[in-house]
Amino acid sequence: MNGELEYIREDETIDDLQLKGLNLIQKKDGFKFGIDAVLLSDFANVKSKHKVMDLCTGTGIVPFLLYGKYGPQSVYGLEIQEEMVDMAKRSAKLNLLGEQIKFFQGDLKNIGKLKQFEKFDVVTVNPPYKLNSAGIINTNDKLAIARHEILCNLEDVIIASRILLKDNGRLFMIHRPERLADIFTLMRKYKIEPKRVKMIHPKIGKAPNIVLVEGQRDGGAYLKWDAPLYVYDDNGKYTKEIDSIYWRI
């Protein structure tokens, strides 16, 4: 533990990801990753030869999960909040993965910056879900920035993905089902063809509250629906599918 202390601040903690010894630095009382990041990393089809970019990366949870699960050639993370990027970079050093996993501070609306990157086989994104239209929101609130479309919206995310992807590269996104029409419309507008959809339900009999979408840059029109995933069983416990995704079985 003494060796770890050089990587963390007083208000931070090191969380064991329960995946190949990987750890993540997070705020003790701040925004922490949840099931969304785990579901997205499981849904993404990443190969060992791939180069991956994770947009809205936060403290870097998705890049670390992707690297631990699939061992891609490299994973980059782009995040606008400087404090989160700093934590992500320190997590990379803590895990001795500074060459394989790299983080960059920047605005995904900055087209010039995006074009400076190489092209990627895969782009993943867990974007802000909530429309920025429900009253006044503190634009300096880190949690609000992560949850509301304050600094970027869905169209900005799709445009950035189009720029970053190789020809026929794949976009993997997690969002809310009520935004599915917007997602499909914007993907097609920027020539990222929706290819696969997976609905996540809290439990059997409940409407889905999460959707996973795969798109292909300049792909042909063909949409596949995966079997739905249920998070909890009738006893309020995680289903076997969720336990499997969390590497418990």
Protein backbone atom coordinates (compact mmCIF):
# COMPACT_ATOMS: atom_id res chain seq x y z
CA MET A 1 0.00 0.00 0.00
CA ASN A 2 2.86 2.37 0.75
CA GLY A 3 3.84 2.28 -2.91
CA GLU A 4 0.30 3.22 -3.89
CA LEU A 5 0.21 6.30 -1.67
CA GLU A 6 2.36 8.28 -4.08
CA TYR A 7 -0.41 8.03 -6.68
CA ILE A 8 -3.41 9.23 -4.67
CA ARG A 9 -4.57 12.43 -2.98
CA GLU A 10 -6.10 12.69 0.49
CA ASP A 11 -9.68 12.80 -0.86
CA GLU A 12 -9.20 9.81 -3.19
CA THR A 13 -9.35 6.05 -2.92
CA ILE A 14 -7.97 3.13 -4.92
CA ASP A 15 -10.63 0.64 -5.96
CA ASP A 16 -9.83 -2.92 -7.01
CA LEU A 17 -11.59 -3.67 -10.31
CA GLN A 18 -11.47 -7.42 -9.64
CA LEU A 19 -9.98 -7.86 -13.11
CA LYS A 20 -6.41 -8.99 -13.65
CA GLY A 21 -5.18 -6.96 -10.70
CA LEU A 22 -6.26 -3.62 -12.16
CA ASN A 23 -7.05 -0.69 -9.87
CA LEU A 24 -8.77 2.66 -10.40
CA ILE A 25 -8.29 5.95 -8.55
CA GLN A 26 -11.60 7.65 -7.71
CA LYS A 27 -12.89 10.36 -5.39
CA LYS A 28 -14.05 9.08 -2.03
CA ASP A 29 -17.21 11.19 -2.23
CA GLY A 30 -17.32 12.08 -5.94
CA PHE A 31 -18.60 10.51 -9.13
CA LYS A 32 -17.86 6.78 -9.25
CA PHE A 33 -18.35 4.34 -12.07
CA GLY A 34 -21.42 2.11 -12.04
CA ILE A 35 -22.96 -0.72 -14.00
CA ASP A 36 -23.07 1.35 -17.22
CA ALA A 37 -19.30 1.17 -17.68
CA VAL A 38 -19.28 -2.58 -17.03
CA LEU A 39 -22.13 -3.18 -19.50
CA LEU A 40 -20.47 -1.04 -22.19
CA SER A 41 -17.13 -2.84 -21.86
CA ASP A 42 -18.91 -6.19 -22.11
CA PHE A 43 -20.92 -5.12 -25.19
CA ALA A 44 -17.96 -3.69 -27.11
CA ASN A 45 -16.41 -6.07 -29.63
CA VAL A 46 -12.72 -5.36 -29.15
CA LYS A 47 -9.84 -7.46 -30.52
CA SER A 48 -6.20 -7.64 -29.46
CA LYS A 49 -5.13 -5.92 -32.70
CA HIS A 50 -7.48 -2.97 -32.21
CA LYS A 51 -6.77 0.63 -31.31
CA VAL A 52 -9.58 2.06 -29.20
CA MET A 53 -10.74 5.57 -28.23
CA ASP A 54 -13.09 6.08 -25.29
CA LEU A 55 -14.93 9.42 -25.35
CA CYS A 56 -16.25 11.09 -22.18
CA THR A 57 -13.85 8.76 -20.39
CA GLY A 58 -14.13 10.34 -16.92
CA THR A 59 -11.58 8.72 -14.62
CA GLY A 60 -10.85 6.07 -17.23
CA ILE A 61 -12.92 3.11 -16.09
CA VAL A 62 -13.93 1.93 -19.58
CA PRO A 63 -10.34 1.91 -20.97
CA PHE A 64 -9.15 -0.14 -18.00
CA LEU A 65 -12.02 -2.61 -18.30
CA LEU A 66 -11.47 -2.94 -22.07
CA TYR A 67 -7.76 -3.51 -21.60
CA GLY A 68 -8.31 -6.05 -18.84
CA LYS A 69 -10.92 -7.98 -20.82
CA TYR A 70 -9.52 -7.87 -24.37
CA GLY A 71 -5.91 -6.69 -24.28
CA PRO A 72 -6.16 -4.33 -27.29
CA GLN A 73 -3.04 -2.83 -28.83
CA SER A 74 -3.81 0.54 -27.24
CA VAL A 75 -6.66 2.40 -25.57
CA TYR A 76 -6.99 6.18 -25.45
CA GLY A 77 -9.41 8.17 -23.33
CA LEU A 78 -10.61 11.72 -24.03
CA GLU A 79 -12.16 13.79 -21.24
CA ILE A 80 -12.87 17.52 -20.89
CA GLN A 81 -12.55 17.72 -17.10
CA GLU A 82 -8.90 18.20 -16.20
CA GLU A 83 -9.20 16.78 -12.68
CA MET A 84 -10.61 13.50 -13.99
CA VAL A 85 -7.89 13.22 -16.62
CA ASP A 86 -5.28 13.68 -13.89
CA MET A 87 -6.79 10.81 -11.89
CA ALA A 88 -6.97 8.61 -15.00
CA LYS A 89 -3.32 9.25 -15.84
CA ARG A 90 -2.28 8.38 -12.31
CA SER A 91 -4.32 5.16 -12.51
CA ALA A 92 -2.42 4.25 -15.68
CA LYS A 93 0.88 4.77 -13.87
CA LEU A 94 -0.37 2.84 -10.84
CA ASN A 95 -1.19 -0.12 -13.10
CA LEU A 96 2.10 0.21 -15.03
CA LEU A 97 0.12 0.74 -18.24
CA GLY A 98 1.26 4.22 -19.21
CA GLU A 99 2.27 3.07 -22.69
CA GLN A 100 -0.83 1.00 -23.45
CA ILE A 101 -3.51 3.28 -21.94
CA LYS A 102 -3.23 7.03 -22.50
CA PHE A 103 -5.53 9.86 -21.50
CA PHE A 104 -6.00 13.28 -23.04
CA GLN A 105 -7.71 16.39 -21.76
CA GLY A 106 -9.82 18.05 -24.42
CA ASP A 107 -13.21 18.96 -25.82
CA LEU A 108 -14.68 16.43 -28.25
CA LYS A 109 -16.25 19.37 -30.10
CA ASN A 110 -12.74 20.55 -31.01
CA ILE A 111 -12.59 19.12 -34.53
CA GLY A 112 -9.01 20.24 -35.04
CA LYS A 113 -7.85 18.33 -31.97
CA LEU A 114 -9.75 15.21 -33.03
CA LYS A 115 -8.09 15.23 -36.44
CA GLN A 116 -4.67 15.17 -34.78
CA PHE A 117 -5.37 11.66 -33.48
CA GLU A 118 -4.82 8.54 -35.52
CA LYS A 119 -7.89 6.68 -36.74
CA PHE A 120 -9.37 4.03 -34.44
CA ASP A 121 -10.85 0.59 -34.99
CA VAL A 122 -13.28 1.13 -32.13
CA VAL A 123 -14.80 4.13 -30.37
CA THR A 124 -16.67 3.63 -27.09
CA VAL A 125 -18.71 6.25 -25.27
CA ASN A 126 -20.82 6.58 -22.15
CA PRO A 127 -22.07 10.13 -22.80
CA PRO A 128 -24.15 12.45 -20.62
CA TYR A 129 -27.70 11.11 -20.84
CA LYS A 130 -29.91 13.96 -19.70
CA LEU A 131 -31.05 16.77 -21.96
CA ASN A 132 -29.86 20.12 -20.65
CA SER A 133 -33.35 21.58 -20.57
CA ALA A 134 -34.65 20.94 -17.08
CA GLY A 135 -33.93 24.17 -15.26
CA ILE A 136 -30.70 25.88 -14.29
CA ILE A 137 -27.73 23.57 -13.78
CA ASN A 138 -24.42 24.58 -12.24
CA THR A 139 -21.98 24.27 -15.13
CA ASN A 140 -19.11 23.89 -12.64
CA ASP A 141 -20.78 20.86 -11.03
CA LYS A 142 -18.70 17.82 -12.00
CA LEU A 143 -21.60 15.40 -11.46
CA ALA A 144 -23.91 17.56 -13.58
CA ILE A 145 -21.36 17.66 -16.39
CA ALA A 146 -21.13 13.87 -16.34
CA ARG A 147 -24.93 13.42 -16.41
CA HIS A 148 -26.36 16.34 -18.39
CA GLU A 149 -25.70 17.54 -21.94
CA ILE A 150 -23.96 20.68 -20.70
CA LEU A 151 -20.58 20.60 -22.45
CA CYS A 152 -21.53 18.23 -25.28
CA ASN A 153 -24.68 16.69 -26.69
CA LEU A 154 -25.52 13.50 -28.56
CA GLU A 155 -24.86 15.03 -31.96
CA ASP A 156 -21.41 16.23 -30.84
CA VAL A 157 -20.60 12.66 -29.75
CA ILE A 158 -21.67 11.17 -33.09
CA ILE A 159 -19.72 13.77 -35.08
CA ALA A 160 -16.59 13.08 -33.01
CA SER A 161 -17.00 9.33 -33.49
CA ARG A 162 -17.30 9.76 -37.26
CA ILE A 163 -14.04 11.71 -37.35
CA LEU A 164 -12.12 9.28 -35.15
CA LEU A 165 -13.23 5.98 -36.67
CA LYS A 166 -11.44 4.15 -39.47
CA ASP A 167 -13.46 3.10 -42.51
CA ASN A 168 -15.84 0.39 -41.27
CA GLY A 169 -14.75 1.08 -37.68
CA ARG A 170 -17.26 0.40 -34.92
CA LEU A 171 -18.93 2.71 -32.40
CA PHE A 172 -20.27 1.26 -29.14
CA MET A 173 -22.52 3.50 -27.07
CA ILE A 174 -24.58 3.16 -23.91
CA HIS A 175 -27.55 5.48 -23.45
CA ARG A 176 -31.22 5.61 -22.47
CA PRO A 177 -33.98 3.92 -24.50
CA GLU A 178 -36.01 7.13 -24.77
CA ARG A 179 -33.19 8.60 -26.86
CA LEU A 180 -33.06 5.69 -29.31
CA ALA A 181 -34.82 7.57 -32.14
CA ASP A 182 -32.33 10.43 -31.74
CA ILE A 183 -29.41 7.98 -31.72
CA PHE A 184 -30.52 6.24 -34.93
CA THR A 185 -31.30 9.52 -36.70
CA LEU A 186 -27.96 11.13 -35.84
CA MET A 187 -25.96 7.99 -36.64
CA ARG A 188 -27.45 7.84 -40.12
CA LYS A 189 -27.04 11.58 -40.59
CA TYR A 190 -23.28 11.15 -40.11
CA LYS A 191 -23.07 7.81 -41.92
CA ILE A 192 -22.60 5.55 -38.92
CA GLU A 193 -25.05 2.74 -39.60
CA PRO A 194 -26.82 1.22 -36.56
CA LYS A 195 -25.94 -2.50 -36.57
CA ARG A 196 -26.84 -3.95 -33.16
CA VAL A 197 -29.06 -3.04 -30.21
CA LYS A 198 -29.32 -4.58 -26.73
CA MET A 199 -31.92 -3.55 -24.17
CA ILE A 200 -31.16 -3.70 -20.43
CA HIS A 201 -34.12 -4.21 -18.08
CA PRO A 202 -34.01 -3.75 -14.28
CA LYS A 203 -35.93 -7.06 -14.00
CA ILE A 204 -38.44 -9.19 -15.90
CA GLY A 205 -41.69 -7.30 -16.36
CA LYS A 206 -40.04 -3.89 -16.14
CA ALA A 207 -39.42 -1.61 -19.11
CA PRO A 208 -35.79 -1.23 -20.24
CA ASN A 209 -33.86 1.69 -18.73
CA ILE A 210 -30.55 1.27 -20.57
CA VAL A 211 -29.79 0.63 -24.23
CA LEU A 212 -26.52 -0.45 -25.86
CA VAL A 213 -26.01 0.44 -29.53
CA GLU A 214 -23.33 -0.62 -32.01
CA GLY A 215 -22.79 1.36 -35.20
CA GLN A 216 -20.44 0.95 -38.16
CA ARG A 217 -18.83 3.80 -40.06
CA ASP A 218 -20.15 3.62 -43.66
CA GLY A 219 -21.72 0.24 -42.92
CA GLY A 220 -24.56 -1.35 -44.88
CA ALA A 221 -28.15 -1.24 -43.62
CA TYR A 222 -28.80 -4.24 -41.37
CA LEU A 223 -29.93 -4.00 -37.74
CA LYS A 224 -29.73 -6.90 -35.28
CA TRP A 225 -31.42 -7.02 -31.88
CA ASP A 226 -29.60 -8.94 -29.15
CA ALA A 227 -31.56 -10.82 -26.51
CA PRO A 228 -32.50 -8.51 -23.61
CA LEU A 229 -30.50 -8.52 -20.40
CA TYR A 230 -32.15 -8.47 -16.96
CA VAL A 231 -30.16 -7.01 -14.07
CA TYR A 232 -32.09 -8.42 -11.09
CA ASP A 233 -34.06 -11.63 -10.61
CA ASP A 234 -37.39 -11.95 -8.75
CA ASN A 235 -35.52 -12.18 -5.43
CA GLY A 236 -33.75 -8.87 -5.97
CA LYS A 237 -30.39 -10.52 -6.61
CA TYR A 238 -28.17 -10.08 -9.66
CA THR A 239 -29.01 -12.49 -12.47
CA LYS A 240 -26.47 -15.07 -13.61
CA GLU A 241 -25.83 -12.97 -16.74
CA ILE A 242 -24.89 -9.95 -14.64
CA ASP A 243 -22.72 -12.06 -12.31
CA SER A 244 -20.94 -13.38 -15.41
CA ILE A 245 -20.34 -9.88 -16.75
CA TYR A 246 -18.91 -8.90 -13.35
CA TRP A 247 -16.60 -11.98 -13.53
CA ARG A 248 -18.22 -13.50 -10.42
CA ILE A 249 -18.86 -16.78 -12.27
